[in-house]
Amino acid sequence: MLTIKDSVHDHIEVGDLGAALLDTPPVQRLRRVSQLGTASLVYPSANHSRFEHSLGVYSLATSALDRLEVRGEDARTVRAAAMLHDIGHLPYSHTIETLLENYTGRYHDDVAHLLEEGAIARVLAENHVDPGRVADLISGKSRLGQLIAGELDVDRMDYLVRDAHHTGVPYGFIDVERLLRALRFYDGNLVLAEGNVQTAESLLLARALMNPTVYNHHVARISKAMLKRATERLIEAGAEPRSVARMDDPELQVALRNEEGAAPLANRLADRRLYKRAIWAEYGDVGDQRAGSLLDATRAEKRETEASIAEQAGVAVDEVLLDVQEPPTMRESTTEVVVNGEIRQLGEQSTLVSALERAQLEQWRLGVYAPPDLTEPIGKAAEAVLGLDLNGRRIAETDSPGRYASLSEFGGVRK
């Protein structure tokens, strides 16, 4: 038995299987993959890694198994999945995932190929754990897979409190112990026991508040867009996508700074000389039809739009970055809770869900980013090319010559 001191869960006890998996190269690689990507450019203390998060998920999974009285082979398999659930992550976590998926056809939870050979395969075989079952649990398949990748998964319980702890924001803290105590299996579904509607709401609310303040903070989005574009240039210059996917953060940094096309953006990121907002538009500013077309646009179509903006602004196309946020989702609304002896979805039981869904849509933003000295012409060009209805609203930022945005972001009222 190995005991590890953790900043969030205090002392974590790791059994022989978990300890053996910890020492494998794919898990040790996670020490060099940041949990929050470029968020440390916003919150300097957000330097925690996927490695410590994996330890936290292992700890919570062990507690959940004890509560649910899961034993033997099933318990070993869940513990292995908890420790290994993030080994498929790319450098900087989710930042470049959609870009690399276009080339490799894999997301971070597609890890079967990483379990079939090498040190992990050897450890699993020695402990009589089926790698196929582990891969299925990590992708959320089967009854026990809900513990690793579901609406009430221990992955989410750990990252919310861990991200809140390391960023210093107060919004992600949830009553993890209450959640674990309330877990039950009913007809193969993982649910919360009677009297836990508010417990489920707390999980939903924590994530809804962390989205705009941490995960989609405008500086985080700008830096993500810069890193994604630099990586795209690296691949266009000949880097093999699957090799890029298996890099860690420092390896990707070096590769980007050594590639001529990627180096300008990589050096800006290294020195925190970030692009600024030329456009920061609400969903209503864009319009339903236009927003829909942008959400469905291919990578090539977005690049064409950037080229049109650059041409109208009279600047180089490399000076324009278009960032279209994914449509808001709220998986937690399908969380099942027991109410008056019946299993009900949280979205059907809680009026808070519909309010948070509206809030997420109001928080949606379309961004166009540019070097600080070019935000003015690029903002005007983007407004014309994208057909935005901003009603001439223009607000100066202290760190940027100008931008276009909604008054509501600054406490104003839109009529």
Protein backbone atom coordinates (compact mmCIF):
# COMPACT_ATOMS: atom_id res chain seq x y z
CA MET A 1 0.00 0.00 0.00
CA LEU A 2 1.36 3.39 -1.06
CA THR A 3 0.24 6.63 0.66
CA ILE A 4 0.53 9.91 -1.26
CA LYS A 5 -0.13 13.39 0.13
CA ASP A 6 -2.52 15.34 -2.09
CA SER A 7 -3.37 19.03 -1.97
CA VAL A 8 -7.10 18.35 -2.37
CA HIS A 9 -7.91 14.95 -0.84
CA ASP A 10 -5.17 14.91 1.81
CA HIS A 11 -3.73 11.38 2.01
CA ILE A 12 -4.50 9.03 -0.88
CA GLU A 13 -3.94 5.32 -0.36
CA VAL A 14 -2.91 3.49 -3.52
CA GLY A 15 -3.01 -0.30 -3.68
CA ASP A 16 -0.53 -2.54 -5.48
CA LEU A 17 -2.27 -2.36 -8.86
CA GLY A 18 -2.56 1.43 -8.73
CA ALA A 19 1.05 1.80 -7.58
CA ALA A 20 2.30 -0.37 -10.43
CA LEU A 21 0.30 1.66 -12.96
CA LEU A 22 1.65 4.91 -11.50
CA ASP A 23 5.18 3.89 -12.44
CA THR A 24 4.40 3.27 -16.13
CA PRO A 25 5.67 5.85 -18.68
CA PRO A 26 2.17 6.77 -20.03
CA VAL A 27 0.99 7.70 -16.52
CA GLN A 28 4.24 9.49 -15.62
CA ARG A 29 3.86 11.50 -18.85
CA LEU A 30 0.78 13.08 -17.26
CA ARG A 31 3.07 14.95 -14.86
CA ARG A 32 4.02 17.01 -17.92
CA VAL A 33 0.50 17.62 -19.23
CA SER A 34 -1.26 20.60 -17.66
CA GLN A 35 -4.76 20.03 -16.37
CA LEU A 36 -6.08 23.40 -17.55
CA GLY A 37 -4.03 24.00 -20.66
CA THR A 38 -3.19 27.69 -20.97
CA ALA A 39 -5.31 28.80 -17.99
CA SER A 40 -2.15 29.54 -16.00
CA LEU A 41 -1.85 32.66 -18.18
CA VAL A 42 -4.97 33.84 -16.36
CA TYR A 43 -4.52 32.16 -12.96
CA PRO A 44 -0.78 31.83 -12.23
CA SER A 45 -1.24 29.05 -9.67
CA ALA A 46 -3.19 26.84 -12.09
CA ASN A 47 -0.15 24.69 -12.80
CA HIS A 48 -1.60 21.38 -11.68
CA SER A 49 -1.22 18.37 -13.93
CA ARG A 50 -3.25 15.47 -15.29
CA PHE A 51 -1.12 13.21 -13.06
CA GLU A 52 -2.42 14.58 -9.77
CA HIS A 53 -5.95 14.68 -11.17
CA SER A 54 -5.65 10.99 -12.05
CA LEU A 55 -4.62 10.26 -8.46
CA GLY A 56 -7.67 12.18 -7.26
CA VAL A 57 -10.00 10.27 -9.55
CA TYR A 58 -8.46 7.00 -8.33
CA SER A 59 -9.09 8.05 -4.72
CA LEU A 60 -12.72 9.03 -5.33
CA ALA A 61 -13.36 5.89 -7.39
CA THR A 62 -12.04 3.77 -4.50
CA SER A 63 -14.40 5.54 -2.09
CA ALA A 64 -17.33 5.12 -4.46
CA LEU A 65 -16.62 1.40 -4.86
CA ASP A 66 -16.61 0.98 -1.09
CA ARG A 67 -19.94 2.84 -0.79
CA LEU A 68 -21.50 0.76 -3.56
CA GLU A 69 -19.99 -2.46 -2.20
CA VAL A 70 -18.28 -3.35 -5.48
CA ARG A 71 -15.57 -5.94 -4.92
CA GLY A 72 -13.17 -8.32 -6.67
CA GLU A 73 -12.44 -8.14 -10.40
CA ASP A 74 -14.97 -5.35 -10.98
CA ALA A 75 -13.32 -3.17 -8.35
CA ARG A 76 -9.82 -3.80 -9.77
CA THR A 77 -11.01 -2.90 -13.24
CA VAL A 78 -12.64 0.35 -12.09
CA ARG A 79 -9.53 1.35 -10.14
CA ALA A 80 -7.37 0.71 -13.19
CA ALA A 81 -9.71 2.75 -15.38
CA ALA A 82 -9.66 5.60 -12.86
CA MET A 83 -5.85 5.70 -12.84
CA LEU A 84 -5.58 5.42 -16.63
CA HIS A 85 -8.58 7.48 -17.77
CA ASP A 86 -6.46 10.45 -18.92
CA ILE A 87 -3.48 8.74 -20.57
CA GLY A 88 -4.96 9.54 -23.99
CA HIS A 89 -4.79 13.30 -23.39
CA LEU A 90 -2.88 15.44 -25.81
CA PRO A 91 -0.40 18.12 -24.71
CA TYR A 92 -2.22 21.01 -23.05
CA SER A 93 -5.20 18.72 -22.42
CA HIS A 94 -8.30 19.73 -24.42
CA THR A 95 -6.77 22.76 -26.15
CA ILE A 96 -5.80 21.09 -29.42
CA GLU A 97 -8.04 18.02 -29.17
CA THR A 98 -10.53 18.91 -31.89
CA LEU A 99 -7.69 19.87 -34.25
CA LEU A 100 -5.83 16.58 -33.76
CA GLU A 101 -9.04 14.53 -33.91
CA ASN A 102 -9.45 15.69 -37.51
CA TYR A 103 -6.11 14.06 -38.32
CA THR A 104 -6.02 11.02 -36.02
CA GLY A 105 -9.69 10.15 -35.58
CA ARG A 106 -9.17 9.81 -31.83
CA TYR A 107 -10.36 11.68 -28.77
CA HIS A 108 -8.63 11.53 -25.41
CA ASP A 109 -10.89 8.77 -24.09
CA ASP A 110 -10.02 6.44 -26.98
CA VAL A 111 -7.20 4.63 -25.17
CA ALA A 112 -7.54 0.99 -26.24
CA HIS A 113 -4.37 1.24 -28.38
CA LEU A 114 -2.39 2.47 -25.35
CA LEU A 115 -3.40 -0.53 -23.22
CA GLU A 116 -2.48 -3.26 -25.67
CA GLU A 117 1.30 -3.25 -25.28
CA GLY A 118 4.16 -1.99 -23.16
CA ALA A 119 4.30 -1.42 -19.42
CA ILE A 120 0.56 -0.87 -18.92
CA ALA A 121 -0.38 -4.09 -20.72
CA ARG A 122 2.15 -5.98 -18.58
CA VAL A 123 0.79 -4.56 -15.30
CA LEU A 124 -2.82 -5.30 -16.27
CA ALA A 125 -1.93 -8.87 -17.25
CA GLU A 126 -0.06 -9.47 -13.99
CA ASN A 127 -3.12 -8.31 -12.05
CA HIS A 128 -5.63 -10.25 -14.18
CA VAL A 129 -7.36 -7.11 -15.44
CA ASP A 130 -8.88 -7.15 -18.94
CA PRO A 131 -7.57 -4.13 -20.93
CA GLY A 132 -10.68 -4.21 -23.12
CA ARG A 133 -12.93 -3.74 -20.09
CA VAL A 134 -10.71 -0.91 -18.85
CA ALA A 135 -11.00 0.85 -22.21
CA ASP A 136 -14.78 0.41 -22.17
CA LEU A 137 -15.07 1.90 -18.67
CA ILE A 138 -12.96 4.91 -19.67
CA SER A 139 -15.30 5.59 -22.59
CA GLY A 140 -18.32 5.32 -20.26
CA LYS A 141 -19.64 1.98 -21.45
CA SER A 142 -21.44 -0.44 -19.12
CA ARG A 143 -22.95 -0.02 -15.67
CA LEU A 144 -19.65 0.64 -13.88
CA GLY A 145 -18.43 2.93 -16.66
CA GLN A 146 -20.82 5.56 -15.33
CA LEU A 147 -18.47 6.02 -12.38
CA ILE A 148 -15.64 7.08 -14.72
CA ALA A 149 -17.50 8.84 -17.53
CA GLY A 150 -21.11 9.71 -16.75
CA GLU A 151 -23.27 12.46 -15.33
CA LEU A 152 -22.20 11.56 -11.78
CA ASP A 153 -18.64 10.49 -12.52
CA VAL A 154 -15.76 10.85 -10.09
CA ASP A 155 -13.72 12.51 -12.85
CA ARG A 156 -15.95 15.59 -12.68
CA MET A 157 -16.05 15.56 -8.89
CA ASP A 158 -12.26 15.77 -8.77
CA TYR A 159 -11.58 18.28 -11.53
CA LEU A 160 -14.13 20.80 -10.25
CA VAL A 161 -12.70 20.97 -6.73
CA ARG A 162 -9.10 20.65 -7.95
CA ASP A 163 -9.45 23.39 -10.55
CA ALA A 164 -11.14 25.67 -8.01
CA HIS A 165 -8.39 24.97 -5.49
CA HIS A 166 -5.54 25.76 -7.89
CA THR A 167 -7.13 28.78 -9.55
CA GLY A 168 -8.33 30.20 -6.25
CA VAL A 169 -11.88 30.84 -7.49
CA PRO A 170 -14.67 29.89 -5.06
CA TYR A 171 -17.15 28.45 -7.55
CA GLY A 172 -16.07 24.83 -8.11
CA PHE A 173 -16.21 23.57 -4.56
CA ILE A 174 -18.81 20.87 -4.04
CA ASP A 175 -19.65 18.46 -1.22
CA VAL A 176 -17.83 15.45 -2.66
CA GLU A 177 -18.42 13.34 0.44
CA ARG A 178 -22.19 13.91 0.23
CA LEU A 179 -22.19 13.01 -3.46
CA LEU A 180 -20.29 9.77 -2.82
CA ARG A 181 -22.60 8.83 0.05
CA ALA A 182 -25.67 9.39 -2.11
CA LEU A 183 -24.59 7.22 -5.07
CA ARG A 184 -26.82 4.24 -5.81
CA PHE A 185 -27.38 1.81 -8.69
CA TYR A 186 -31.01 1.45 -9.78
CA ASP A 187 -31.81 -0.78 -12.76
CA GLY A 188 -28.22 -0.44 -13.93
CA ASN A 189 -28.22 3.37 -13.74
CA LEU A 190 -26.09 5.39 -11.37
CA VAL A 191 -28.39 7.78 -9.47
CA LEU A 192 -28.50 9.90 -6.34
CA ALA A 193 -30.58 8.59 -3.45
CA GLU A 194 -33.73 10.20 -2.07
CA GLY A 195 -33.34 13.75 -0.75
CA ASN A 196 -30.45 14.78 -3.01
CA VAL A 197 -31.94 17.11 -5.60
CA GLN A 198 -29.94 19.99 -4.14
CA THR A 199 -26.83 17.81 -4.11
CA ALA A 200 -27.24 17.24 -7.85
CA GLU A 201 -27.93 20.94 -8.40
CA SER A 202 -24.70 21.85 -6.63
CA LEU A 203 -22.69 19.81 -9.14
CA LEU A 204 -24.47 21.46 -12.04
CA LEU A 205 -24.13 24.94 -10.57
CA ALA A 206 -20.41 24.52 -9.87
CA ARG A 207 -19.66 23.63 -13.47
CA ALA A 208 -21.91 26.38 -14.81
CA LEU A 209 -20.01 28.97 -12.75
CA MET A 210 -16.57 27.58 -13.58
CA ASN A 211 -17.23 27.78 -17.33
CA PRO A 212 -17.16 31.58 -17.76
CA THR A 213 -14.71 32.30 -14.94
CA VAL A 214 -12.09 29.64 -15.71
CA TYR A 215 -12.68 27.31 -18.65
CA ASN A 216 -13.97 29.98 -21.05
CA HIS A 217 -12.31 33.07 -19.59
CA HIS A 218 -11.52 35.35 -22.52
CA VAL A 219 -7.75 35.21 -21.97
CA ALA A 220 -7.89 31.42 -21.78
CA ARG A 221 -9.82 31.35 -25.05
CA ILE A 222 -7.40 33.72 -26.77
CA SER A 223 -4.36 31.71 -25.70
CA LYS A 224 -6.06 28.46 -26.69
CA ALA A 225 -6.79 29.86 -30.14
CA MET A 226 -3.16 30.94 -30.52
CA LEU A 227 -1.83 27.54 -29.42
CA LYS A 228 -4.25 25.71 -31.69
CA ARG A 229 -3.24 27.79 -34.71
CA ALA A 230 0.47 27.34 -33.97
CA THR A 231 -0.01 23.56 -33.74
CA GLU A 232 -1.94 23.60 -37.00
CA ARG A 233 1.01 25.31 -38.68
CA LEU A 234 3.38 22.73 -37.18
CA ILE A 235 1.36 19.90 -38.73
CA GLU A 236 1.02 21.71 -42.05
CA ALA A 237 4.82 21.94 -42.07
CA GLY A 238 5.08 18.16 -41.92
CA ALA A 239 4.83 17.08 -38.27
CA GLU A 240 3.13 13.70 -37.92
CA PRO A 241 -0.20 14.26 -36.10
CA ARG A 242 -0.08 11.08 -34.00
CA SER A 243 3.44 11.95 -32.86
CA VAL A 244 2.22 15.42 -31.87
CA ALA A 245 -0.64 13.82 -29.94
CA ARG A 246 1.79 11.83 -27.78
CA MET A 247 3.99 14.82 -26.93
CA ASP A 248 3.86 16.43 -23.51
CA ASP A 249 3.60 20.19 -22.95
CA PRO A 250 7.36 20.96 -22.98
CA GLU A 251 7.90 18.84 -26.11
CA LEU A 252 5.17 20.70 -27.96
CA GLN A 253 6.58 24.07 -26.84
CA VAL A 254 10.01 23.20 -28.25
CA ALA A 255 8.55 21.83 -31.50
CA LEU A 256 6.47 24.96 -32.04
CA ARG A 257 9.31 27.37 -31.34
CA ASN A 258 11.57 25.46 -33.72
CA GLU A 259 9.12 25.57 -36.61
CA GLU A 260 9.29 28.80 -38.61
CA GLY A 261 5.58 29.09 -39.30
CA ALA A 262 4.55 28.34 -35.72
CA ALA A 263 7.31 30.21 -33.89
CA PRO A 264 5.77 33.73 -33.92
CA LEU A 265 2.65 32.59 -32.06
CA ALA A 266 4.63 30.17 -29.84
CA ASN A 267 7.01 32.95 -28.77
CA ARG A 268 4.09 35.25 -28.05
CA LEU A 269 2.57 32.57 -25.80
CA ALA A 270 5.89 31.96 -24.05
CA ASP A 271 6.25 35.66 -23.22
CA ARG A 272 2.50 36.23 -22.66
CA ARG A 273 2.30 38.76 -25.48
CA LEU A 274 -1.21 37.70 -26.35
CA TYR A 275 -3.62 38.78 -29.04
CA LYS A 276 -6.55 40.90 -27.86
CA ARG A 277 -10.25 40.94 -28.58
CA ALA A 278 -11.22 42.75 -31.76
CA ILE A 279 -14.75 41.31 -31.56
CA TRP A 280 -16.45 39.72 -28.54
CA ALA A 281 -20.05 39.21 -29.63
CA GLU A 282 -23.04 37.64 -27.92
CA TYR A 283 -25.25 35.02 -29.51
CA GLY A 284 -27.94 37.63 -30.07
CA ASP A 285 -25.44 39.90 -31.84
CA VAL A 286 -24.60 37.12 -34.28
CA GLY A 287 -28.17 35.97 -34.89
CA ASP A 288 -29.54 32.44 -34.87
CA GLN A 289 -29.00 31.74 -38.57
CA ARG A 290 -25.49 33.16 -38.73
CA ALA A 291 -24.46 31.54 -35.44
CA GLY A 292 -25.71 28.20 -36.71
CA SER A 293 -23.70 28.47 -39.90
CA LEU A 294 -20.56 29.40 -37.98
CA LEU A 295 -21.02 26.52 -35.54
CA ASP A 296 -21.32 24.12 -38.47
CA ALA A 297 -18.47 25.66 -40.48
CA THR A 298 -15.50 23.48 -41.34
CA ARG A 299 -11.95 24.44 -40.43
CA ALA A 300 -11.34 25.45 -44.07
CA GLU A 301 -14.45 27.65 -44.11
CA LYS A 302 -13.33 29.42 -40.93
CA ARG A 303 -9.92 30.04 -42.48
CA GLU A 304 -11.64 31.54 -45.53
CA THR A 305 -13.60 33.85 -43.24
CA GLU A 306 -10.37 34.94 -41.54
CA ALA A 307 -8.86 35.65 -44.96
CA SER A 308 -11.86 37.81 -45.89
CA ILE A 309 -11.56 39.77 -42.65
CA ALA A 310 -7.84 40.26 -43.17
CA GLU A 311 -8.33 41.41 -46.75
CA GLN A 312 -10.98 43.97 -45.76
CA ALA A 313 -8.81 45.21 -42.88
CA GLY A 314 -5.72 45.42 -45.08
CA VAL A 315 -3.63 43.16 -42.83
CA ALA A 316 -1.87 39.81 -43.18
CA VAL A 317 -4.15 36.81 -42.72
CA ASP A 318 -1.93 35.57 -39.88
CA GLU A 319 -3.06 38.57 -37.82
CA VAL A 320 -6.67 37.31 -37.58
CA LEU A 321 -7.97 34.49 -35.38
CA LEU A 322 -11.66 33.55 -35.49
CA ASP A 323 -12.88 31.70 -32.38
CA VAL A 324 -16.37 30.19 -32.49
CA GLN A 325 -17.37 28.75 -29.11
CA GLU A 326 -18.96 25.33 -29.03
CA PRO A 327 -22.73 25.35 -28.39
CA PRO A 328 -23.51 25.27 -24.68
CA THR A 329 -24.30 21.87 -23.20
CA MET A 330 -25.43 20.73 -19.77
CA ARG A 331 -25.04 16.99 -19.44
CA GLU A 332 -25.74 17.22 -15.73
CA SER A 333 -29.39 18.02 -16.49
CA THR A 334 -29.89 14.30 -17.25
CA THR A 335 -28.55 13.29 -13.83
CA GLU A 336 -31.04 10.91 -12.24
CA VAL A 337 -32.23 11.39 -8.67
CA VAL A 338 -34.74 9.54 -6.54
CA VAL A 339 -37.76 11.71 -5.65
CA ASN A 340 -40.69 10.25 -3.72
CA GLY A 341 -39.53 6.78 -4.59
CA GLU A 342 -39.31 7.50 -8.34
CA ILE A 343 -36.23 7.99 -10.51
CA ARG A 344 -36.43 11.36 -12.23
CA GLN A 345 -34.04 13.38 -14.37
CA LEU A 346 -32.78 16.55 -12.72
CA GLY A 347 -33.96 18.64 -15.67
CA GLU A 348 -37.53 17.52 -15.00
CA GLN A 349 -37.33 18.16 -11.27
CA SER A 350 -35.28 21.33 -10.91
CA THR A 351 -36.26 24.78 -12.14
CA LEU A 352 -32.62 25.75 -11.69
CA VAL A 353 -31.67 23.70 -14.75
CA SER A 354 -33.65 25.81 -17.22
CA ALA A 355 -32.30 29.00 -15.68
CA LEU A 356 -28.71 27.78 -16.03
CA GLU A 357 -29.33 26.66 -19.61
CA ARG A 358 -30.47 30.20 -20.45
CA ALA A 359 -27.46 31.63 -18.62
CA GLN A 360 -25.10 29.44 -20.64
CA LEU A 361 -26.57 30.71 -23.89
CA GLU A 362 -26.19 34.29 -22.65
CA GLN A 363 -22.54 33.56 -21.84
CA TRP A 364 -21.82 32.29 -25.37
CA ARG A 365 -19.33 34.50 -27.21
CA LEU A 366 -17.87 34.72 -30.67
CA GLY A 367 -14.35 36.09 -30.65
CA VAL A 368 -12.09 37.60 -33.27
CA TYR A 369 -8.56 38.17 -31.97
CA ALA A 370 -5.72 40.27 -33.28
CA PRO A 371 -2.40 41.83 -32.21
CA PRO A 372 -3.08 44.78 -29.86
CA ASP A 373 -2.26 47.45 -32.44
CA LEU A 374 -4.63 45.95 -35.02
CA THR A 375 -7.81 45.37 -33.03
CA GLU A 376 -9.43 48.55 -34.40
CA PRO A 377 -9.26 47.81 -38.16
CA ILE A 378 -9.78 44.08 -37.71
CA GLY A 379 -12.77 44.65 -35.45
CA LYS A 380 -14.45 46.88 -38.03
CA ALA A 381 -13.68 44.44 -40.84
CA ALA A 382 -14.96 41.47 -38.83
CA GLU A 383 -18.20 43.28 -38.06
CA ALA A 384 -18.78 43.79 -41.78
CA VAL A 385 -17.68 40.35 -42.99
CA LEU A 386 -19.60 38.47 -40.31
CA GLY A 387 -22.68 40.64 -40.66
CA LEU A 388 -22.78 41.38 -36.96
CA ASP A 389 -25.44 43.64 -35.52
CA LEU A 390 -23.50 45.49 -32.80
CA ASN A 391 -25.41 48.76 -33.14
CA GLY A 392 -22.15 50.72 -33.17
CA ARG A 393 -21.27 49.63 -29.65
CA ARG A 394 -17.57 50.07 -29.06
CA ILE A 395 -15.85 49.93 -25.70
CA ALA A 396 -12.18 50.61 -25.07
CA GLU A 397 -10.12 48.19 -23.00
CA THR A 398 -7.22 49.24 -20.83
CA ASP A 399 -4.99 46.67 -22.54
CA SER A 400 -6.28 47.10 -26.09
CA PRO A 401 -6.90 50.11 -28.39
CA GLY A 402 -10.49 49.06 -29.03
CA ARG A 403 -12.99 46.26 -29.35
CA TYR A 404 -16.63 45.58 -29.90
CA ALA A 405 -18.67 43.92 -27.16
CA SER A 406 -21.99 43.74 -25.39
CA LEU A 407 -22.87 46.28 -22.72
CA SER A 408 -24.16 43.51 -20.51
CA GLU A 409 -20.59 42.30 -20.01
CA PHE A 410 -19.82 45.62 -18.32
CA GLY A 411 -22.94 45.85 -16.24
CA GLY A 412 -24.96 47.79 -18.79
CA VAL A 413 -28.50 46.98 -19.83
CA ARG A 414 -29.56 46.06 -23.35
CA LYS A 415 -33.04 47.08 -24.42
